[in-house]
Amino acid sequence: MKPLSSNTLEKIGMFSMLSYSMQIIPQIAKNYRQKSADGLSIVFILLSIIALCCDETAALCLNYPLPSKTTPIVVITLLFFVICQRFYYHILSKAIALRIA
């Protein structure tokens, strides 16, 4: 069996990176539709960010291919967006509760 070329492996890695990064998009959309992100565990999100930072450090230090270097950055960016949603909707719900009361 012939080994895959580095160009082919890069393309497979980029597809993998895009697929992995897209897993958080439905959660962002659901939070937007419900105007709430209270069901998300902030501890879980923070642990995910720590793991992704470790993954990024390893990718940079060990000179991994480009997809391994970009995936943690993309996913961390999306997770920070989810954290912002959580705090925004929490503040929004408190403001609405104060206005009603």
C-alpha atoms as a PDB file:
ATOM      1  CA  MET A   1       0.000   0.000   0.000  1.00  0.00           C
ATOM      2  CA  LYS A   2       1.358   3.389  -1.006  1.00  0.00           C
ATOM      3  CA  PRO A   3       1.591   6.056   1.750  1.00  0.00           C
ATOM      4  CA  LEU A   4      -0.445   9.229   1.306  1.00  0.00           C
ATOM      5  CA  SER A   5       1.346  12.381   0.213  1.00  0.00           C
ATOM      6  CA  SER A   6       1.747  15.240   2.672  1.00  0.00           C
ATOM      7  CA  ASN A   7      -0.545  17.370   0.497  1.00  0.00           C
ATOM      8  CA  THR A   8      -3.317  14.762   0.754  1.00  0.00           C
ATOM      9  CA  LEU A   9      -2.820  14.478   4.505  1.00  0.00           C
ATOM     10  CA  GLU A  10      -3.064  18.289   4.830  1.00  0.00           C
ATOM     11  CA  LYS A  11      -6.384  18.248   2.932  1.00  0.00           C
ATOM     12  CA  ILE A  12      -7.734  15.455   5.130  1.00  0.00           C
ATOM     13  CA  GLY A  13      -6.563  17.376   8.201  1.00  0.00           C
ATOM     14  CA  MET A  14      -8.280  20.571   7.065  1.00  0.00           C
ATOM     15  CA  PHE A  15     -11.524  18.663   6.470  1.00  0.00           C
ATOM     16  CA  SER A  16     -11.189  17.164   9.934  1.00  0.00           C
ATOM     17  CA  MET A  17     -10.560  20.615  11.420  1.00  0.00           C
ATOM     18  CA  LEU A  18     -13.646  22.068   9.767  1.00  0.00           C
ATOM     19  CA  SER A  19     -15.782  19.115  10.855  1.00  0.00           C
ATOM     20  CA  TYR A  20     -14.544  19.339  14.446  1.00  0.00           C
ATOM     21  CA  SER A  21     -15.021  23.098  14.548  1.00  0.00           C
ATOM     22  CA  MET A  22     -18.601  22.860  13.308  1.00  0.00           C
ATOM     23  CA  GLN A  23     -19.746  20.859  16.333  1.00  0.00           C
ATOM     24  CA  ILE A  24     -20.313  24.013  18.389  1.00  0.00           C
ATOM     25  CA  ILE A  25     -22.313  25.894  15.708  1.00  0.00           C
ATOM     26  CA  PRO A  26     -25.660  24.168  16.513  1.00  0.00           C
ATOM     27  CA  GLN A  27     -25.226  25.094  20.187  1.00  0.00           C
ATOM     28  CA  ILE A  28     -24.619  28.736  19.290  1.00  0.00           C
ATOM     29  CA  ALA A  29     -27.737  28.724  17.084  1.00  0.00           C
ATOM     30  CA  LYS A  30     -29.836  27.066  19.808  1.00  0.00           C
ATOM     31  CA  ASN A  31     -28.680  29.626  22.381  1.00  0.00           C
ATOM     32  CA  TYR A  32     -29.610  32.411  19.974  1.00  0.00           C
ATOM     33  CA  ARG A  33     -33.084  30.984  19.286  1.00  0.00           C
ATOM     34  CA  GLN A  34     -33.829  30.403  22.975  1.00  0.00           C
ATOM     35  CA  LYS A  35     -32.142  33.630  24.107  1.00  0.00           C
ATOM     36  CA  SER A  36     -30.588  31.575  26.879  1.00  0.00           C
ATOM     37  CA  ALA A  37     -27.413  29.610  27.513  1.00  0.00           C
ATOM     38  CA  ASP A  38     -28.108  28.544  31.077  1.00  0.00           C
ATOM     39  CA  GLY A  39     -27.929  24.835  30.239  1.00  0.00           C
ATOM     40  CA  LEU A  40     -24.204  25.074  29.508  1.00  0.00           C
ATOM     41  CA  SER A  41     -21.716  24.216  32.202  1.00  0.00           C
ATOM     42  CA  ILE A  42     -19.158  26.991  32.461  1.00  0.00           C
ATOM     43  CA  VAL A  43     -16.757  24.536  34.135  1.00  0.00           C
ATOM     44  CA  PHE A  44     -16.976  22.193  31.152  1.00  0.00           C
ATOM     45  CA  ILE A  45     -16.327  25.055  28.743  1.00  0.00           C
ATOM     46  CA  LEU A  46     -13.323  26.251  30.756  1.00  0.00           C
ATOM     47  CA  LEU A  47     -11.884  22.729  30.933  1.00  0.00           C
ATOM     48  CA  SER A  48     -12.322  22.438  27.168  1.00  0.00           C
ATOM     49  CA  ILE A  49     -10.429  25.698  26.681  1.00  0.00           C
ATOM     50  CA  ILE A  50      -7.597  24.482  28.923  1.00  0.00           C
ATOM     51  CA  ALA A  51      -7.373  21.222  26.953  1.00  0.00           C
ATOM     52  CA  LEU A  52      -7.363  23.128  23.660  1.00  0.00           C
ATOM     53  CA  CYS A  53      -4.595  25.434  24.924  1.00  0.00           C
ATOM     54  CA  CYS A  54      -2.513  22.380  25.791  1.00  0.00           C
ATOM     55  CA  ASP A  55      -3.246  20.927  22.358  1.00  0.00           C
ATOM     56  CA  GLU A  56      -2.175  24.174  20.678  1.00  0.00           C
ATOM     57  CA  THR A  57       1.039  24.318  22.723  1.00  0.00           C
ATOM     58  CA  ALA A  58       1.919  20.767  21.724  1.00  0.00           C
ATOM     59  CA  ALA A  59       1.148  21.481  18.063  1.00  0.00           C
ATOM     60  CA  LEU A  60       3.405  24.528  18.057  1.00  0.00           C
ATOM     61  CA  CYS A  61       6.250  23.001  20.060  1.00  0.00           C
ATOM     62  CA  LEU A  62       6.309  19.733  18.120  1.00  0.00           C
ATOM     63  CA  ASN A  63       5.811  21.445  14.760  1.00  0.00           C
ATOM     64  CA  TYR A  64       2.623  19.574  13.870  1.00  0.00           C
ATOM     65  CA  PRO A  65       0.981  20.207  10.481  1.00  0.00           C
ATOM     66  CA  LEU A  66      -1.124  23.321   9.903  1.00  0.00           C
ATOM     67  CA  PRO A  67      -4.541  21.739  10.661  1.00  0.00           C
ATOM     68  CA  SER A  68      -3.315  20.681  14.097  1.00  0.00           C
ATOM     69  CA  LYS A  69      -2.163  24.237  14.765  1.00  0.00           C
ATOM     70  CA  THR A  70      -5.359  25.951  13.603  1.00  0.00           C
ATOM     71  CA  THR A  71      -8.056  23.669  15.036  1.00  0.00           C
ATOM     72  CA  PRO A  72      -7.605  24.673  18.703  1.00  0.00           C
ATOM     73  CA  ILE A  73      -7.603  28.365  17.786  1.00  0.00           C
ATOM     74  CA  VAL A  74     -10.854  28.074  15.826  1.00  0.00           C
ATOM     75  CA  VAL A  75     -12.591  26.016  18.521  1.00  0.00           C
ATOM     76  CA  ILE A  76     -11.402  28.324  21.331  1.00  0.00           C
ATOM     77  CA  THR A  77     -12.791  31.293  19.391  1.00  0.00           C
ATOM     78  CA  LEU A  78     -16.162  29.574  19.083  1.00  0.00           C
ATOM     79  CA  LEU A  79     -16.154  28.624  22.781  1.00  0.00           C
ATOM     80  CA  PHE A  80     -15.448  32.226  23.764  1.00  0.00           C
ATOM     81  CA  PHE A  81     -18.453  33.197  21.659  1.00  0.00           C
ATOM     82  CA  VAL A  82     -20.563  30.711  23.649  1.00  0.00           C
ATOM     83  CA  ILE A  83     -19.229  32.172  26.931  1.00  0.00           C
ATOM     84  CA  CYS A  84     -20.169  35.663  25.740  1.00  0.00           C
ATOM     85  CA  GLN A  85     -23.653  34.393  24.874  1.00  0.00           C
ATOM     86  CA  ARG A  86     -24.004  32.893  28.333  1.00  0.00           C
ATOM     87  CA  PHE A  87     -23.123  36.121  30.128  1.00  0.00           C
ATOM     88  CA  TYR A  88     -25.120  38.308  27.717  1.00  0.00           C
ATOM     89  CA  TYR A  89     -28.314  36.275  28.050  1.00  0.00           C
ATOM     90  CA  HIS A  90     -27.854  36.043  31.830  1.00  0.00           C
ATOM     91  CA  ILE A  91     -27.609  39.839  32.103  1.00  0.00           C
ATOM     92  CA  LEU A  92     -30.511  40.239  29.666  1.00  0.00           C
ATOM     93  CA  SER A  93     -32.761  37.927  31.692  1.00  0.00           C
ATOM     94  CA  LYS A  94     -31.983  39.856  34.900  1.00  0.00           C
ATOM     95  CA  ALA A  95     -32.791  43.152  33.188  1.00  0.00           C
ATOM     96  CA  ILE A  96     -36.130  41.772  31.952  1.00  0.00           C
ATOM     97  CA  ALA A  97     -36.938  40.434  35.427  1.00  0.00           C
ATOM     98  CA  LEU A  98     -36.243  43.848  36.989  1.00  0.00           C
ATOM     99  CA  ARG A  99     -38.411  45.576  34.412  1.00  0.00           C
ATOM    100  CA  ILE A 100     -41.319  43.217  35.098  1.00  0.00           C
ATOM    101  CA  ALA A 101     -41.050  43.515  38.873  1.00  0.00           C
END
